[in-house]
Amino acid sequence: METQHISKAVIQRLPRYYRYLGLLLEQGVERISSGELSRMMHVTASQIRQDFNHFGGFGQQGYGYNVSFLHQEFARLLGLDKEHYMIIIGAGNLGRALASYVLFEKRGFHVIGIFDHDRSLEGSLIRDIPVRMTDTLERFLAENRVDIAALTLPSSGANEVCPILTGSGIRAIWNFAHTDLDVPDHVIVENVHLSESLMQLSYRLNELEAKTL
């Protein structure tokens, strides 16, 4: 199935569709209409139909959507029907938390390497994965298939390690560092700035409190 250029807003909704369809499967639901799905997800039925039409529609008039088929299609669109091999650079609290999150593996994301520059961490285990030093990163990338690199280290370290990643063929970077990375056009970066997300939540809370005054 060919897809047109998809906006970032639609892409951001795909994992949510996948999650809700998974819940429906667990409940034994075989078919669902856009109206029923909209009430569950608090998204308009027209928005759902518009989003789905980007990928061919999936449904039939008066028939609704086959939940199992739709769940499989979204898994395919999200690349969850493939195995992905990931490394984490930064073995601090956040890096350890990511490495220990078992749902990643259930979704096909396998952490195969963890790196840090702190010599005191060398050889320590996180979920049976030994922490390696960042000066071994280039060799590791040459000897192993790595699809995604997660950066959970300070900004300066992220900027230092980024050229090594892109120069070694890494095409996808999950960036938790508080910096915008300079990468070639063929490299995808997904930025996750936790402090910015918290500030957005604070803004919304501030607005809510202002309305109640």
Protein backbone atom coordinates (compact mmCIF):
# COMPACT_ATOMS: atom_id res chain seq x y z
CA MET A 1 0.00 0.00 0.00
CA GLU A 2 1.50 3.33 -1.07
CA THR A 3 1.33 6.25 1.34
CA GLN A 4 1.43 9.96 0.64
CA HIS A 5 3.42 12.46 2.65
CA ILE A 6 2.10 12.15 6.20
CA SER A 7 2.09 15.11 8.58
CA LYS A 8 3.86 14.89 11.92
CA ALA A 9 0.51 15.32 13.71
CA VAL A 10 -0.87 12.17 12.06
CA ILE A 11 2.31 10.21 12.81
CA GLN A 12 2.08 11.23 16.46
CA ARG A 13 -1.42 9.74 16.62
CA LEU A 14 -0.45 6.36 15.15
CA PRO A 15 0.94 4.83 18.38
CA ARG A 16 -2.25 5.88 20.20
CA TYR A 17 -4.43 4.17 17.59
CA TYR A 18 -2.27 1.07 17.92
CA ARG A 19 -2.61 1.09 21.70
CA TYR A 20 -6.39 1.43 21.67
CA LEU A 21 -6.76 -1.27 19.03
CA GLY A 22 -4.67 -3.55 21.24
CA LEU A 23 -7.05 -2.88 24.13
CA LEU A 24 -10.02 -3.72 21.90
CA LEU A 25 -8.38 -7.00 20.90
CA GLU A 26 -7.88 -7.89 24.56
CA GLN A 27 -11.59 -7.24 25.11
CA GLY A 28 -12.51 -9.57 22.25
CA VAL A 29 -13.92 -6.80 20.02
CA GLU A 30 -13.88 -7.88 16.37
CA ARG A 31 -15.28 -4.81 14.62
CA ILE A 32 -15.58 -1.15 15.47
CA SER A 33 -16.93 1.95 13.73
CA SER A 34 -15.13 5.27 13.53
CA GLY A 35 -17.84 6.70 15.81
CA GLU A 36 -17.25 4.09 18.49
CA LEU A 37 -13.50 4.54 18.26
CA SER A 38 -13.88 8.32 18.47
CA ARG A 39 -15.82 8.05 21.73
CA MET A 40 -13.08 5.87 23.21
CA MET A 41 -10.20 8.07 22.11
CA HIS A 42 -11.85 11.51 22.35
CA VAL A 43 -10.94 12.19 18.72
CA THR A 44 -13.63 13.11 16.18
CA ALA A 45 -14.81 10.37 13.86
CA SER A 46 -14.01 12.57 10.87
CA GLN A 47 -10.42 12.97 12.11
CA ILE A 48 -10.08 9.21 12.46
CA ARG A 49 -11.41 8.61 8.95
CA GLN A 50 -9.15 11.32 7.57
CA ASP A 51 -6.11 9.82 9.32
CA PHE A 52 -6.94 6.32 8.11
CA ASN A 53 -7.50 7.53 4.54
CA HIS A 54 -3.84 8.54 4.39
CA PHE A 55 -3.09 4.80 4.43
CA GLY A 56 -5.91 3.51 2.26
CA GLY A 57 -8.93 3.76 4.55
CA PHE A 58 -9.02 0.21 6.03
CA GLY A 59 -12.83 0.15 6.43
CA GLN A 60 -16.00 -0.42 4.46
CA GLN A 61 -19.11 1.78 4.46
CA GLY A 62 -21.59 0.41 6.99
CA TYR A 63 -19.18 -2.35 7.95
CA GLY A 64 -16.66 -0.58 10.14
CA TYR A 65 -13.11 -1.70 10.82
CA ASN A 66 -11.79 -5.17 11.43
CA VAL A 67 -9.90 -4.63 14.69
CA SER A 68 -7.38 -7.45 14.25
CA PHE A 69 -6.56 -6.44 10.68
CA LEU A 70 -6.29 -2.77 11.62
CA HIS A 71 -4.02 -3.59 14.58
CA GLN A 72 -1.74 -5.56 12.27
CA GLU A 73 -1.68 -2.77 9.70
CA PHE A 74 -0.73 -0.18 12.30
CA ALA A 75 1.98 -2.51 13.60
CA ARG A 76 3.33 -2.67 10.05
CA LEU A 77 3.12 1.11 9.59
CA LEU A 78 4.96 1.64 12.87
CA GLY A 79 7.60 -0.93 11.95
CA LEU A 80 6.60 -3.19 14.85
CA ASP A 81 6.56 -6.24 12.59
CA LYS A 82 10.37 -6.01 12.45
CA GLU A 83 13.18 -6.47 14.94
CA HIS A 84 15.09 -3.31 15.87
CA TYR A 85 18.47 -3.32 17.60
CA MET A 86 19.20 -0.39 19.87
CA ILE A 87 22.08 0.96 21.92
CA ILE A 88 21.88 3.39 24.82
CA ILE A 89 24.63 5.94 25.34
CA GLY A 90 24.56 7.19 28.90
CA ALA A 91 24.25 4.70 31.77
CA GLY A 92 22.79 7.11 34.32
CA ASN A 93 19.33 6.88 35.83
CA LEU A 94 17.47 7.56 32.58
CA GLY A 95 19.62 5.20 30.55
CA ARG A 96 19.12 2.46 33.13
CA ALA A 97 15.37 3.05 33.15
CA LEU A 98 15.17 2.75 29.37
CA ALA A 99 17.28 -0.40 29.36
CA SER A 100 15.02 -1.94 32.01
CA TYR A 101 11.73 -1.15 30.28
CA VAL A 102 10.59 -4.62 29.22
CA LEU A 103 7.81 -3.37 26.93
CA PHE A 104 10.43 -2.26 24.42
CA GLU A 105 11.46 -5.85 23.87
CA LYS A 106 7.84 -6.96 23.49
CA ARG A 107 7.52 -4.38 20.71
CA GLY A 108 10.62 -5.71 18.96
CA PHE A 109 13.17 -3.17 20.24
CA HIS A 110 16.20 -5.00 21.62
CA VAL A 111 18.85 -3.19 23.63
CA ILE A 112 22.17 -4.80 22.70
CA GLY A 113 24.65 -2.30 24.07
CA ILE A 114 24.99 0.35 26.78
CA PHE A 115 27.81 2.89 26.79
CA ASP A 116 29.18 5.49 29.17
CA HIS A 117 32.42 7.43 29.66
CA ASP A 118 32.57 6.82 33.44
CA ARG A 119 35.27 4.20 34.01
CA SER A 120 33.76 3.21 37.35
CA LEU A 121 30.73 1.82 35.46
CA GLU A 122 32.75 -0.31 33.04
CA GLY A 123 31.59 -3.93 33.13
CA SER A 124 28.63 -3.29 35.44
CA LEU A 125 25.45 -5.03 34.30
CA ILE A 126 22.10 -3.53 33.42
CA ARG A 127 19.62 -6.31 32.61
CA ASP A 128 22.61 -8.59 31.95
CA ILE A 129 24.07 -6.10 29.46
CA PRO A 130 27.59 -4.93 30.36
CA VAL A 131 28.28 -1.21 30.31
CA ARG A 132 31.00 -0.46 27.75
CA MET A 133 33.13 2.64 27.44
CA THR A 134 32.28 5.16 24.74
CA ASP A 135 35.77 4.86 23.29
CA THR A 136 34.75 1.35 22.14
CA LEU A 137 31.58 2.61 20.44
CA GLU A 138 32.94 2.92 16.92
CA ARG A 139 34.27 -0.63 16.93
CA PHE A 140 31.00 -1.97 18.37
CA LEU A 141 29.04 -0.27 15.60
CA ALA A 142 31.35 -1.78 12.99
CA GLU A 143 30.83 -5.29 14.37
CA ASN A 144 27.10 -5.22 15.21
CA ARG A 145 23.85 -4.29 13.55
CA VAL A 146 22.48 -1.22 15.31
CA ASP A 147 19.32 0.47 14.05
CA ILE A 148 18.66 3.05 16.77
CA ALA A 149 20.88 4.95 19.21
CA ALA A 150 19.32 6.46 22.33
CA LEU A 151 21.24 9.38 23.82
CA THR A 152 20.71 9.84 27.57
CA LEU A 153 23.81 11.87 28.36
CA PRO A 154 24.59 15.58 28.78
CA SER A 155 24.44 17.91 25.79
CA SER A 156 28.22 18.14 25.37
CA GLY A 157 28.55 14.37 25.30
CA ALA A 158 25.68 14.03 22.83
CA ASN A 159 27.32 16.45 20.42
CA GLU A 160 30.62 14.60 20.72
CA VAL A 161 29.18 11.16 20.07
CA CYS A 162 26.75 12.16 17.32
CA PRO A 163 29.36 12.30 14.49
CA ILE A 164 30.55 8.81 15.49
CA LEU A 165 27.00 7.49 15.19
CA THR A 166 26.21 9.11 11.86
CA GLY A 167 29.65 8.26 10.48
CA SER A 168 29.08 4.62 11.37
CA GLY A 169 25.80 4.38 9.51
CA ILE A 170 23.26 5.01 12.29
CA ARG A 171 20.12 6.45 10.69
CA ALA A 172 17.85 6.87 13.74
CA ILE A 173 18.67 8.71 16.97
CA TRP A 174 16.37 8.91 20.00
CA ASN A 175 17.67 12.09 21.62
CA PHE A 176 17.00 12.76 25.32
CA ALA A 177 19.90 15.23 25.59
CA HIS A 178 19.03 18.91 25.96
CA THR A 179 20.50 19.87 22.61
CA ASP A 180 19.51 19.93 18.96
CA LEU A 181 21.79 17.61 17.04
CA ASP A 182 23.39 18.51 13.72
CA VAL A 183 22.90 15.44 11.54
CA PRO A 184 22.87 14.65 7.79
CA ASP A 185 19.52 14.75 5.99
CA HIS A 186 19.27 10.95 5.85
CA VAL A 187 19.43 10.63 9.66
CA ILE A 188 16.19 10.76 11.65
CA VAL A 189 16.22 12.36 15.10
CA GLU A 190 13.35 12.07 17.56
CA ASN A 191 13.86 14.61 20.33
CA VAL A 192 12.43 13.88 23.78
CA HIS A 193 13.05 16.88 26.01
CA LEU A 194 11.55 15.89 29.35
CA SER A 195 11.94 19.32 30.93
CA GLU A 196 10.08 20.95 28.03
CA SER A 197 7.24 18.46 28.38
CA LEU A 198 7.06 19.22 32.10
CA MET A 199 6.99 22.96 31.39
CA GLN A 200 4.11 22.45 28.94
CA LEU A 201 2.23 20.60 31.67
CA SER A 202 3.02 23.43 34.08
CA TYR A 203 1.66 25.97 31.57
CA ARG A 204 -1.60 24.06 31.25
CA LEU A 205 -1.87 23.73 35.02
CA ASN A 206 -1.24 27.46 35.36
CA GLU A 207 -4.03 28.15 32.85
CA LEU A 208 -6.42 25.84 34.68
CA GLU A 209 -5.69 27.48 38.03
CA ALA A 210 -6.20 30.95 36.49
CA LYS A 211 -9.67 29.94 35.30
CA THR A 212 -10.70 28.85 38.79
CA LEU A 213 -9.74 32.15 40.44
